[in-house]
mmCIF file of all heavy atoms, coordinates in Angstrom:
data_MODEL
# 
_entry.id   MODEL 
# 
loop_
_atom_site.group_PDB 
_atom_site.id 
_atom_site.type_symbol 
_atom_site.label_atom_id 
_atom_site.label_alt_id 
_atom_site.label_comp_id 
_atom_site.label_asym_id 
_atom_site.label_entity_id 
_atom_site.label_seq_id 
_atom_site.pdbx_PDB_ins_code 
_atom_site.Cartn_x 
_atom_site.Cartn_y 
_atom_site.Cartn_z 
_atom_site.occupancy 
_atom_site.B_iso_or_equiv 
_atom_site.pdbx_formal_charge 
_atom_site.auth_seq_id 
_atom_site.auth_comp_id 
_atom_site.auth_asym_id 
_atom_site.auth_atom_id 
_atom_site.pdbx_PDB_model_num 
ATOM 1   N N   . ASP A 1 1  ? 117.868 66.820 108.611 1.00 0.00 ? 1  ASP A N   1 
ATOM 2   C CA  . ASP A 1 1  ? 118.892 67.733 108.257 1.00 0.00 ? 1  ASP A CA  1 
ATOM 3   C C   . ASP A 1 1  ? 119.698 68.076 109.494 1.00 0.00 ? 1  ASP A C   1 
ATOM 4   O O   . ASP A 1 1  ? 119.228 67.851 110.582 1.00 0.00 ? 1  ASP A O   1 
ATOM 5   C CB  . ASP A 1 1  ? 118.263 69.034 107.640 1.00 0.00 ? 1  ASP A CB  1 
ATOM 6   C CG  . ASP A 1 1  ? 119.150 70.042 107.107 1.00 0.00 ? 1  ASP A CG  1 
ATOM 7   O OD1 . ASP A 1 1  ? 120.314 69.597 106.745 1.00 0.00 ? 1  ASP A OD1 1 
ATOM 8   O OD2 . ASP A 1 1  ? 118.866 71.218 106.993 1.00 0.00 ? 1  ASP A OD2 1 
ATOM 9   N N   . GLU A 1 2  ? 120.900 68.515 109.168 1.00 0.00 ? 2  GLU A N   1 
ATOM 10  C CA  . GLU A 1 2  ? 121.774 68.837 110.319 1.00 0.00 ? 2  GLU A CA  1 
ATOM 11  C C   . GLU A 1 2  ? 121.838 67.677 111.424 1.00 0.00 ? 2  GLU A C   1 
ATOM 12  O O   . GLU A 1 2  ? 121.733 68.012 112.613 1.00 0.00 ? 2  GLU A O   1 
ATOM 13  C CB  . GLU A 1 2  ? 121.398 70.156 111.044 1.00 0.00 ? 2  GLU A CB  1 
ATOM 14  C CG  . GLU A 1 2  ? 121.356 71.348 110.036 1.00 0.00 ? 2  GLU A CG  1 
ATOM 15  C CD  . GLU A 1 2  ? 122.768 71.924 109.792 1.00 0.00 ? 2  GLU A CD  1 
ATOM 16  O OE1 . GLU A 1 2  ? 123.756 71.317 110.347 1.00 0.00 ? 2  GLU A OE1 1 
ATOM 17  O OE2 . GLU A 1 2  ? 122.857 72.784 108.946 1.00 0.00 ? 2  GLU A OE2 1 
ATOM 18  N N   . VAL A 1 3  ? 122.026 66.510 110.918 1.00 0.00 ? 3  VAL A N   1 
ATOM 19  C CA  . VAL A 1 3  ? 122.072 65.308 111.814 1.00 0.00 ? 3  VAL A CA  1 
ATOM 20  C C   . VAL A 1 3  ? 123.336 65.472 112.659 1.00 0.00 ? 3  VAL A C   1 
ATOM 21  O O   . VAL A 1 3  ? 124.464 65.897 112.183 1.00 0.00 ? 3  VAL A O   1 
ATOM 22  C CB  . VAL A 1 3  ? 122.137 64.057 111.097 1.00 0.00 ? 3  VAL A CB  1 
ATOM 23  C CG1 . VAL A 1 3  ? 122.398 62.824 112.047 1.00 0.00 ? 3  VAL A CG1 1 
ATOM 24  C CG2 . VAL A 1 3  ? 120.879 63.804 110.250 1.00 0.00 ? 3  VAL A CG2 1 
ATOM 25  N N   . GLY A 1 4  ? 123.201 65.268 113.964 1.00 0.00 ? 4  GLY A N   1 
ATOM 26  C CA  . GLY A 1 4  ? 124.304 65.505 114.993 1.00 0.00 ? 4  GLY A CA  1 
ATOM 27  C C   . GLY A 1 4  ? 124.603 64.324 115.843 1.00 0.00 ? 4  GLY A C   1 
ATOM 28  O O   . GLY A 1 4  ? 124.586 64.459 117.054 1.00 0.00 ? 4  GLY A O   1 
ATOM 29  N N   . CYS A 1 5  ? 124.794 63.154 115.291 1.00 0.00 ? 5  CYS A N   1 
ATOM 30  C CA  . CYS A 1 5  ? 125.135 62.007 116.146 1.00 0.00 ? 5  CYS A CA  1 
ATOM 31  C C   . CYS A 1 5  ? 126.509 62.125 116.765 1.00 0.00 ? 5  CYS A C   1 
ATOM 32  O O   . CYS A 1 5  ? 127.458 62.802 116.248 1.00 0.00 ? 5  CYS A O   1 
ATOM 33  C CB  . CYS A 1 5  ? 125.252 60.661 115.233 1.00 0.00 ? 5  CYS A CB  1 
ATOM 34  S SG  . CYS A 1 5  ? 123.795 60.393 114.307 1.00 0.00 ? 5  CYS A SG  1 
ATOM 35  N N   . GLU A 1 6  ? 126.608 61.590 117.974 1.00 0.00 ? 6  GLU A N   1 
ATOM 36  C CA  . GLU A 1 6  ? 127.946 61.501 118.615 1.00 0.00 ? 6  GLU A CA  1 
ATOM 37  C C   . GLU A 1 6  ? 128.760 60.338 118.226 1.00 0.00 ? 6  GLU A C   1 
ATOM 38  O O   . GLU A 1 6  ? 129.921 60.256 118.289 1.00 0.00 ? 6  GLU A O   1 
ATOM 39  C CB  . GLU A 1 6  ? 127.794 61.605 120.139 1.00 0.00 ? 6  GLU A CB  1 
ATOM 40  C CG  . GLU A 1 6  ? 127.384 62.929 120.601 1.00 0.00 ? 6  GLU A CG  1 
ATOM 41  C CD  . GLU A 1 6  ? 127.119 62.917 122.063 1.00 0.00 ? 6  GLU A CD  1 
ATOM 42  O OE1 . GLU A 1 6  ? 127.721 62.142 122.827 1.00 0.00 ? 6  GLU A OE1 1 
ATOM 43  O OE2 . GLU A 1 6  ? 126.390 63.765 122.546 1.00 0.00 ? 6  GLU A OE2 1 
ATOM 44  N N   . GLY A 1 7  ? 127.980 59.319 117.598 1.00 0.00 ? 7  GLY A N   1 
ATOM 45  C CA  . GLY A 1 7  ? 128.616 58.099 117.129 1.00 0.00 ? 7  GLY A CA  1 
ATOM 46  C C   . GLY A 1 7  ? 128.353 56.900 117.931 1.00 0.00 ? 7  GLY A C   1 
ATOM 47  O O   . GLY A 1 7  ? 128.549 55.697 117.500 1.00 0.00 ? 7  GLY A O   1 
ATOM 48  N N   . HIS A 1 8  ? 127.817 57.027 119.130 1.00 0.00 ? 8  HIS A N   1 
ATOM 49  C CA  . HIS A 1 8  ? 127.603 55.814 119.970 1.00 0.00 ? 8  HIS A CA  1 
ATOM 50  C C   . HIS A 1 8  ? 126.033 55.382 119.931 1.00 0.00 ? 8  HIS A C   1 
ATOM 51  O O   . HIS A 1 8  ? 125.740 54.353 120.473 1.00 0.00 ? 8  HIS A O   1 
ATOM 52  C CB  . HIS A 1 8  ? 127.927 56.177 121.423 1.00 0.00 ? 8  HIS A CB  1 
ATOM 53  C CG  . HIS A 1 8  ? 127.170 57.392 122.007 1.00 0.00 ? 8  HIS A CG  1 
ATOM 54  N ND1 . HIS A 1 8  ? 125.815 57.243 122.401 1.00 0.00 ? 8  HIS A ND1 1 
ATOM 55  C CD2 . HIS A 1 8  ? 127.578 58.643 122.197 1.00 0.00 ? 8  HIS A CD2 1 
ATOM 56  C CE1 . HIS A 1 8  ? 125.459 58.492 122.764 1.00 0.00 ? 8  HIS A CE1 1 
ATOM 57  N NE2 . HIS A 1 8  ? 126.416 59.297 122.667 1.00 0.00 ? 8  HIS A NE2 1 
ATOM 58  N N   . GLU A 1 9  ? 125.209 56.218 119.321 1.00 0.00 ? 9  GLU A N   1 
ATOM 59  C CA  . GLU A 1 9  ? 123.851 55.932 119.253 1.00 0.00 ? 9  GLU A CA  1 
ATOM 60  C C   . GLU A 1 9  ? 123.532 54.639 118.559 1.00 0.00 ? 9  GLU A C   1 
ATOM 61  O O   . GLU A 1 9  ? 124.297 54.220 117.680 1.00 0.00 ? 9  GLU A O   1 
ATOM 62  C CB  . GLU A 1 9  ? 123.017 57.030 118.588 1.00 0.00 ? 9  GLU A CB  1 
ATOM 63  C CG  . GLU A 1 9  ? 123.008 58.450 119.273 1.00 0.00 ? 9  GLU A CG  1 
ATOM 64  C CD  . GLU A 1 9  ? 124.302 59.327 118.895 1.00 0.00 ? 9  GLU A CD  1 
ATOM 65  O OE1 . GLU A 1 9  ? 125.181 58.787 118.187 1.00 0.00 ? 9  GLU A OE1 1 
ATOM 66  O OE2 . GLU A 1 9  ? 124.287 60.439 119.317 1.00 0.00 ? 9  GLU A OE2 1 
ATOM 67  N N   . ARG A 1 10 ? 122.488 53.895 118.951 1.00 0.00 ? 10 ARG A N   1 
ATOM 68  C CA  . ARG A 1 10 ? 122.182 52.669 118.398 1.00 0.00 ? 10 ARG A CA  1 
ATOM 69  C C   . ARG A 1 10 ? 121.427 52.791 117.095 1.00 0.00 ? 10 ARG A C   1 
ATOM 70  O O   . ARG A 1 10 ? 121.471 51.868 116.242 1.00 0.00 ? 10 ARG A O   1 
ATOM 71  C CB  . ARG A 1 10 ? 121.409 51.817 119.331 1.00 0.00 ? 10 ARG A CB  1 
ATOM 72  C CG  . ARG A 1 10 ? 122.270 51.313 120.518 1.00 0.00 ? 10 ARG A CG  1 
ATOM 73  C CD  . ARG A 1 10 ? 121.494 50.373 121.445 1.00 0.00 ? 10 ARG A CD  1 
ATOM 74  N NE  . ARG A 1 10 ? 120.773 49.409 120.725 1.00 0.00 ? 10 ARG A NE  1 
ATOM 75  C CZ  . ARG A 1 10 ? 120.168 48.342 121.175 1.00 0.00 ? 10 ARG A CZ  1 
ATOM 76  N NH1 . ARG A 1 10 ? 120.172 48.178 122.480 1.00 0.00 ? 10 ARG A NH1 1 
ATOM 77  N NH2 . ARG A 1 10 ? 119.538 47.471 120.445 1.00 0.00 ? 10 ARG A NH2 1 
ATOM 78  N N   . GLU A 1 11 ? 120.610 53.888 116.888 1.00 0.00 ? 11 GLU A N   1 
ATOM 79  C CA  . GLU A 1 11 ? 119.876 54.094 115.783 1.00 0.00 ? 11 GLU A CA  1 
ATOM 80  C C   . GLU A 1 11 ? 119.952 55.531 115.300 1.00 0.00 ? 11 GLU A C   1 
ATOM 81  O O   . GLU A 1 11 ? 120.045 56.381 116.183 1.00 0.00 ? 11 GLU A O   1 
ATOM 82  C CB  . GLU A 1 11 ? 118.378 53.647 115.978 1.00 0.00 ? 11 GLU A CB  1 
ATOM 83  C CG  . GLU A 1 11 ? 118.198 52.190 116.263 1.00 0.00 ? 11 GLU A CG  1 
ATOM 84  C CD  . GLU A 1 11 ? 116.789 51.775 116.149 1.00 0.00 ? 11 GLU A CD  1 
ATOM 85  O OE1 . GLU A 1 11 ? 115.855 52.602 116.340 1.00 0.00 ? 11 GLU A OE1 1 
ATOM 86  O OE2 . GLU A 1 11 ? 116.587 50.593 115.903 1.00 0.00 ? 11 GLU A OE2 1 
ATOM 87  N N   . LEU A 1 12 ? 119.855 55.748 113.997 1.00 0.00 ? 12 LEU A N   1 
ATOM 88  C CA  . LEU A 1 12 ? 119.843 57.142 113.477 1.00 0.00 ? 12 LEU A CA  1 
ATOM 89  C C   . LEU A 1 12 ? 118.737 57.997 114.095 1.00 0.00 ? 12 LEU A C   1 
ATOM 90  O O   . LEU A 1 12 ? 118.953 59.211 114.282 1.00 0.00 ? 12 LEU A O   1 
ATOM 91  C CB  . LEU A 1 12 ? 119.687 57.146 111.925 1.00 0.00 ? 12 LEU A CB  1 
ATOM 92  C CG  . LEU A 1 12 ? 119.995 58.364 111.209 1.00 0.00 ? 12 LEU A CG  1 
ATOM 93  C CD1 . LEU A 1 12 ? 121.428 58.889 111.459 1.00 0.00 ? 12 LEU A CD1 1 
ATOM 94  C CD2 . LEU A 1 12 ? 119.813 58.168 109.699 1.00 0.00 ? 12 LEU A CD2 1 
ATOM 95  N N   . TRP A 1 13 ? 117.539 57.343 114.399 1.00 0.00 ? 13 TRP A N   1 
ATOM 96  C CA  . TRP A 1 13 ? 116.465 58.147 114.977 1.00 0.00 ? 13 TRP A CA  1 
ATOM 97  C C   . TRP A 1 13 ? 116.774 58.820 116.291 1.00 0.00 ? 13 TRP A C   1 
ATOM 98  O O   . TRP A 1 13 ? 116.328 59.835 116.662 1.00 0.00 ? 13 TRP A O   1 
ATOM 99  C CB  . TRP A 1 13 ? 115.290 57.215 115.329 1.00 0.00 ? 13 TRP A CB  1 
ATOM 100 C CG  . TRP A 1 13 ? 114.884 56.356 114.175 1.00 0.00 ? 13 TRP A CG  1 
ATOM 101 C CD1 . TRP A 1 13 ? 115.043 54.945 114.101 1.00 0.00 ? 13 TRP A CD1 1 
ATOM 102 C CD2 . TRP A 1 13 ? 114.118 56.678 113.026 1.00 0.00 ? 13 TRP A CD2 1 
ATOM 103 N NE1 . TRP A 1 13 ? 114.498 54.490 112.841 1.00 0.00 ? 13 TRP A NE1 1 
ATOM 104 C CE2 . TRP A 1 13 ? 113.986 55.623 112.173 1.00 0.00 ? 13 TRP A CE2 1 
ATOM 105 C CE3 . TRP A 1 13 ? 113.577 57.977 112.541 1.00 0.00 ? 13 TRP A CE3 1 
ATOM 106 C CZ2 . TRP A 1 13 ? 113.242 55.558 111.007 1.00 0.00 ? 13 TRP A CZ2 1 
ATOM 107 C CZ3 . TRP A 1 13 ? 112.905 57.980 111.309 1.00 0.00 ? 13 TRP A CZ3 1 
ATOM 108 C CH2 . TRP A 1 13 ? 112.819 56.764 110.546 1.00 0.00 ? 13 TRP A CH2 1 
ATOM 109 N N   . GLU A 1 14 ? 117.800 58.295 117.014 1.00 0.00 ? 14 GLU A N   1 
ATOM 110 C CA  . GLU A 1 14 ? 118.163 58.806 118.374 1.00 0.00 ? 14 GLU A CA  1 
ATOM 111 C C   . GLU A 1 14 ? 119.073 59.983 118.241 1.00 0.00 ? 14 GLU A C   1 
ATOM 112 O O   . GLU A 1 14 ? 119.166 60.687 119.246 1.00 0.00 ? 14 GLU A O   1 
ATOM 113 C CB  . GLU A 1 14 ? 118.950 57.721 119.133 1.00 0.00 ? 14 GLU A CB  1 
ATOM 114 C CG  . GLU A 1 14 ? 118.128 56.518 119.437 1.00 0.00 ? 14 GLU A CG  1 
ATOM 115 C CD  . GLU A 1 14 ? 118.975 55.379 120.140 1.00 0.00 ? 14 GLU A CD  1 
ATOM 116 O OE1 . GLU A 1 14 ? 120.060 55.729 120.623 1.00 0.00 ? 14 GLU A OE1 1 
ATOM 117 O OE2 . GLU A 1 14 ? 118.603 54.252 120.069 1.00 0.00 ? 14 GLU A OE2 1 
ATOM 118 N N   . CYS A 1 15 ? 119.521 60.339 117.112 1.00 0.00 ? 15 CYS A N   1 
ATOM 119 C CA  . CYS A 1 15 ? 120.467 61.516 116.966 1.00 0.00 ? 15 CYS A CA  1 
ATOM 120 C C   . CYS A 1 15 ? 119.635 62.763 116.818 1.00 0.00 ? 15 CYS A C   1 
ATOM 121 O O   . CYS A 1 15 ? 118.570 62.794 116.183 1.00 0.00 ? 15 CYS A O   1 
ATOM 122 C CB  . CYS A 1 15 ? 121.335 61.297 115.741 1.00 0.00 ? 15 CYS A CB  1 
ATOM 123 S SG  . CYS A 1 15 ? 122.327 59.734 115.732 1.00 0.00 ? 15 CYS A SG  1 
ATOM 124 N N   . PRO A 1 16 ? 120.244 63.820 117.412 1.00 0.00 ? 16 PRO A N   1 
ATOM 125 C CA  . PRO A 1 16 ? 119.524 65.093 117.210 1.00 0.00 ? 16 PRO A CA  1 
ATOM 126 C C   . PRO A 1 16 ? 119.598 65.487 115.708 1.00 0.00 ? 16 PRO A C   1 
ATOM 127 O O   . PRO A 1 16 ? 120.605 65.269 115.125 1.00 0.00 ? 16 PRO A O   1 
ATOM 128 C CB  . PRO A 1 16 ? 120.334 66.057 118.109 1.00 0.00 ? 16 PRO A CB  1 
ATOM 129 C CG  . PRO A 1 16 ? 121.558 65.415 118.441 1.00 0.00 ? 16 PRO A CG  1 
ATOM 130 C CD  . PRO A 1 16 ? 121.309 63.919 118.313 1.00 0.00 ? 16 PRO A CD  1 
ATOM 131 N N   . ALA A 1 17 ? 118.509 66.078 115.272 1.00 0.00 ? 17 ALA A N   1 
ATOM 132 C CA  . ALA A 1 17 ? 118.486 66.526 113.859 1.00 0.00 ? 17 ALA A CA  1 
ATOM 133 C C   . ALA A 1 17 ? 117.409 67.612 113.691 1.00 0.00 ? 17 ALA A C   1 
ATOM 134 O O   . ALA A 1 17 ? 116.419 67.616 114.489 1.00 0.00 ? 17 ALA A O   1 
ATOM 135 C CB  . ALA A 1 17 ? 118.244 65.316 112.959 1.00 0.00 ? 17 ALA A CB  1 
ATOM 136 N N   . GLU A 1 18 ? 117.424 68.301 112.675 1.00 0.00 ? 18 GLU A N   1 
ATOM 137 C CA  . GLU A 1 18 ? 116.412 69.236 112.259 1.00 0.00 ? 18 GLU A CA  1 
ATOM 138 C C   . GLU A 1 18 ? 115.394 68.580 111.400 1.00 0.00 ? 18 GLU A C   1 
ATOM 139 O O   . GLU A 1 18 ? 115.759 67.787 110.471 1.00 0.00 ? 18 GLU A O   1 
ATOM 140 C CB  . GLU A 1 18 ? 116.953 70.432 111.456 1.00 0.00 ? 18 GLU A CB  1 
ATOM 141 C CG  . GLU A 1 18 ? 117.883 71.341 112.312 1.00 0.00 ? 18 GLU A CG  1 
ATOM 142 C CD  . GLU A 1 18 ? 117.236 72.022 113.383 1.00 0.00 ? 18 GLU A CD  1 
ATOM 143 O OE1 . GLU A 1 18 ? 116.024 72.451 113.235 1.00 0.00 ? 18 GLU A OE1 1 
ATOM 144 O OE2 . GLU A 1 18 ? 117.864 72.191 114.463 1.00 0.00 ? 18 GLU A OE2 1 
ATOM 145 N N   . LEU A 1 19 ? 114.157 68.687 111.570 1.00 0.00 ? 19 LEU A N   1 
ATOM 146 C CA  . LEU A 1 19 ? 113.073 68.098 110.685 1.00 0.00 ? 19 LEU A CA  1 
ATOM 147 C C   . LEU A 1 19 ? 112.743 69.073 109.585 1.00 0.00 ? 19 LEU A C   1 
ATOM 148 O O   . LEU A 1 19 ? 112.214 68.702 108.503 1.00 0.00 ? 19 LEU A O   1 
ATOM 149 C CB  . LEU A 1 19 ? 111.869 67.718 111.510 1.00 0.00 ? 19 LEU A CB  1 
ATOM 150 C CG  . LEU A 1 19 ? 112.197 66.796 112.640 1.00 0.00 ? 19 LEU A CG  1 
ATOM 151 C CD1 . LEU A 1 19 ? 110.957 66.398 113.419 1.00 0.00 ? 19 LEU A CD1 1 
ATOM 152 C CD2 . LEU A 1 19 ? 112.881 65.521 112.140 1.00 0.00 ? 19 LEU A CD2 1 
ATOM 153 N N   . GLU A 1 20 ? 112.878 70.370 109.779 1.00 0.00 ? 20 GLU A N   1 
ATOM 154 C CA  . GLU A 1 20 ? 112.743 71.373 108.754 1.00 0.00 ? 20 GLU A CA  1 
ATOM 155 C C   . GLU A 1 20 ? 114.038 71.451 108.044 1.00 0.00 ? 20 GLU A C   1 
ATOM 156 O O   . GLU A 1 20 ? 115.118 71.340 108.617 1.00 0.00 ? 20 GLU A O   1 
ATOM 157 C CB  . GLU A 1 20 ? 112.292 72.761 109.352 1.00 0.00 ? 20 GLU A CB  1 
ATOM 158 C CG  . GLU A 1 20 ? 111.065 72.750 110.167 1.00 0.00 ? 20 GLU A CG  1 
ATOM 159 C CD  . GLU A 1 20 ? 109.844 72.479 109.322 1.00 0.00 ? 20 GLU A CD  1 
ATOM 160 O OE1 . GLU A 1 20 ? 109.739 73.119 108.183 1.00 0.00 ? 20 GLU A OE1 1 
ATOM 161 O OE2 . GLU A 1 20 ? 109.081 71.638 109.701 1.00 0.00 ? 20 GLU A OE2 1 
ATOM 162 N N   . HIS A 1 21 ? 113.904 71.746 106.678 1.00 0.00 ? 21 HIS A N   1 
ATOM 163 C CA  . HIS A 1 21 ? 115.234 71.770 105.961 1.00 0.00 ? 21 HIS A CA  1 
ATOM 164 C C   . HIS A 1 21 ? 115.151 72.747 104.813 1.00 0.00 ? 21 HIS A C   1 
ATOM 165 O O   . HIS A 1 21 ? 113.963 73.136 104.363 1.00 0.00 ? 21 HIS A O   1 
ATOM 166 C CB  . HIS A 1 21 ? 115.649 70.384 105.434 1.00 0.00 ? 21 HIS A CB  1 
ATOM 167 C CG  . HIS A 1 21 ? 114.627 69.930 104.359 1.00 0.00 ? 21 HIS A CG  1 
ATOM 168 N ND1 . HIS A 1 21 ? 114.707 70.310 103.095 1.00 0.00 ? 21 HIS A ND1 1 
ATOM 169 C CD2 . HIS A 1 21 ? 113.527 69.081 104.474 1.00 0.00 ? 21 HIS A CD2 1 
ATOM 170 C CE1 . HIS A 1 21 ? 113.709 69.690 102.271 1.00 0.00 ? 21 HIS A CE1 1 
ATOM 171 N NE2 . HIS A 1 21 ? 112.945 68.998 103.211 1.00 0.00 ? 21 HIS A NE2 1 
ATOM 172 N N   . ASP A 1 22 ? 116.255 73.161 104.216 1.00 0.00 ? 22 ASP A N   1 
ATOM 173 C CA  . ASP A 1 22 ? 116.278 73.988 103.044 1.00 0.00 ? 22 ASP A CA  1 
ATOM 174 C C   . ASP A 1 22 ? 117.116 73.231 101.981 1.00 0.00 ? 22 ASP A C   1 
ATOM 175 O O   . ASP A 1 22 ? 117.940 73.859 101.359 1.00 0.00 ? 22 ASP A O   1 
ATOM 176 C CB  . ASP A 1 22 ? 116.812 75.363 103.327 1.00 0.00 ? 22 ASP A CB  1 
ATOM 177 C CG  . ASP A 1 22 ? 118.161 75.281 104.014 1.00 0.00 ? 22 ASP A CG  1 
ATOM 178 O OD1 . ASP A 1 22 ? 118.610 74.245 104.290 1.00 0.00 ? 22 ASP A OD1 1 
ATOM 179 O OD2 . ASP A 1 22 ? 118.658 76.450 104.366 1.00 0.00 ? 22 ASP A OD2 1 
ATOM 180 N N   . CYS A 1 23 ? 116.902 71.959 101.909 1.00 0.00 ? 23 CYS A N   1 
ATOM 181 C CA  . CYS A 1 23 ? 117.783 71.119 101.026 1.00 0.00 ? 23 CYS A CA  1 
ATOM 182 C C   . CYS A 1 23 ? 116.959 70.632 99.865  1.00 0.00 ? 23 CYS A C   1 
ATOM 183 O O   . CYS A 1 23 ? 115.790 70.638 99.799  1.00 0.00 ? 23 CYS A O   1 
ATOM 184 C CB  . CYS A 1 23 ? 118.244 69.865 101.870 1.00 0.00 ? 23 CYS A CB  1 
ATOM 185 S SG  . CYS A 1 23 ? 119.045 70.256 103.321 1.00 0.00 ? 23 CYS A SG  1 
ATOM 186 N N   . SER A 1 24 ? 117.689 70.126 98.822  1.00 0.00 ? 24 SER A N   1 
ATOM 187 C CA  . SER A 1 24 ? 117.136 69.419 97.700  1.00 0.00 ? 24 SER A CA  1 
ATOM 188 C C   . SER A 1 24 ? 117.840 68.073 97.630  1.00 0.00 ? 24 SER A C   1 
ATOM 189 O O   . SER A 1 24 ? 118.819 67.789 98.277  1.00 0.00 ? 24 SER A O   1 
ATOM 190 C CB  . SER A 1 24 ? 117.312 70.260 96.455  1.00 0.00 ? 24 SER A CB  1 
ATOM 191 O OG  . SER A 1 24 ? 118.702 70.204 95.965  1.00 0.00 ? 24 SER A OG  1 
ATOM 192 N N   . HIS A 1 25 ? 117.338 67.142 96.713  1.00 0.00 ? 25 HIS A N   1 
ATOM 193 C CA  . HIS A 1 25 ? 117.907 65.883 96.634  1.00 0.00 ? 25 HIS A CA  1 
ATOM 194 C C   . HIS A 1 25 ? 119.409 65.844 96.112  1.00 0.00 ? 25 HIS A C   1 
ATOM 195 O O   . HIS A 1 25 ? 120.012 64.853 96.210  1.00 0.00 ? 25 HIS A O   1 
ATOM 196 C CB  . HIS A 1 25 ? 117.052 64.958 95.852  1.00 0.00 ? 25 HIS A CB  1 
ATOM 197 C CG  . HIS A 1 25 ? 115.817 64.397 96.548  1.00 0.00 ? 25 HIS A CG  1 
ATOM 198 N ND1 . HIS A 1 25 ? 115.900 63.623 97.681  1.00 0.00 ? 25 HIS A ND1 1 
ATOM 199 C CD2 . HIS A 1 25 ? 114.552 64.632 96.366  1.00 0.00 ? 25 HIS A CD2 1 
ATOM 200 C CE1 . HIS A 1 25 ? 114.726 63.369 98.219  1.00 0.00 ? 25 HIS A CE1 1 
ATOM 201 N NE2 . HIS A 1 25 ? 113.916 63.887 97.409  1.00 0.00 ? 25 HIS A NE2 1 
ATOM 202 N N   . LYS A 1 26 ? 119.802 67.001 95.645  1.00 0.00 ? 26 LYS A N   1 
ATOM 203 C CA  . LYS A 1 26 ? 121.233 67.034 95.114  1.00 0.00 ? 26 LYS A CA  1 
ATOM 204 C C   . LYS A 1 26 ? 122.163 67.096 96.391  1.00 0.00 ? 26 LYS A C   1 
ATOM 205 O O   . LYS A 1 26 ? 123.394 66.954 96.205  1.00 0.00 ? 26 LYS A O   1 
ATOM 206 C CB  . LYS A 1 26 ? 121.484 68.164 94.214  1.00 0.00 ? 26 LYS A CB  1 
ATOM 207 C CG  . LYS A 1 26 ? 121.454 69.553 94.784  1.00 0.00 ? 26 LYS A CG  1 
ATOM 208 C CD  . LYS A 1 26 ? 121.965 70.602 93.762  1.00 0.00 ? 26 LYS A CD  1 
ATOM 209 C CE  . LYS A 1 26 ? 122.057 71.955 94.376  1.00 0.00 ? 26 LYS A CE  1 
ATOM 210 N NZ  . LYS A 1 26 ? 120.790 72.672 94.606  1.00 0.00 ? 26 LYS A NZ  1 
ATOM 211 N N   . GLU A 1 27 ? 121.661 67.193 97.582  1.00 0.00 ? 27 GLU A N   1 
ATOM 212 C CA  . GLU A 1 27 ? 122.414 67.197 98.829  1.00 0.00 ? 27 GLU A CA  1 
ATOM 213 C C   . GLU A 1 27 ? 122.197 65.871 99.611  1.00 0.00 ? 27 GLU A C   1 
ATOM 214 O O   . GLU A 1 27 ? 122.415 65.857 100.727 1.00 0.00 ? 27 GLU A O   1 
ATOM 215 C CB  . GLU A 1 27 ? 122.031 68.336 99.679  1.00 0.00 ? 27 GLU A CB  1 
ATOM 216 C CG  . GLU A 1 27 ? 122.291 69.746 99.029  1.00 0.00 ? 27 GLU A CG  1 
ATOM 217 C CD  . GLU A 1 27 ? 121.745 70.821 99.799  1.00 0.00 ? 27 GLU A CD  1 
ATOM 218 O OE1 . GLU A 1 27 ? 122.384 71.296 100.773 1.00 0.00 ? 27 GLU A OE1 1 
ATOM 219 O OE2 . GLU A 1 27 ? 120.655 71.332 99.439  1.00 0.00 ? 27 GLU A OE2 1 
# 
């Protein structure tokens, strides 16, 4: 959740993100 890539990262894993979320699959 709240993925914050700058755009130059090689993999999505490298981007800062929240692991806790308040989302459902409709998002």
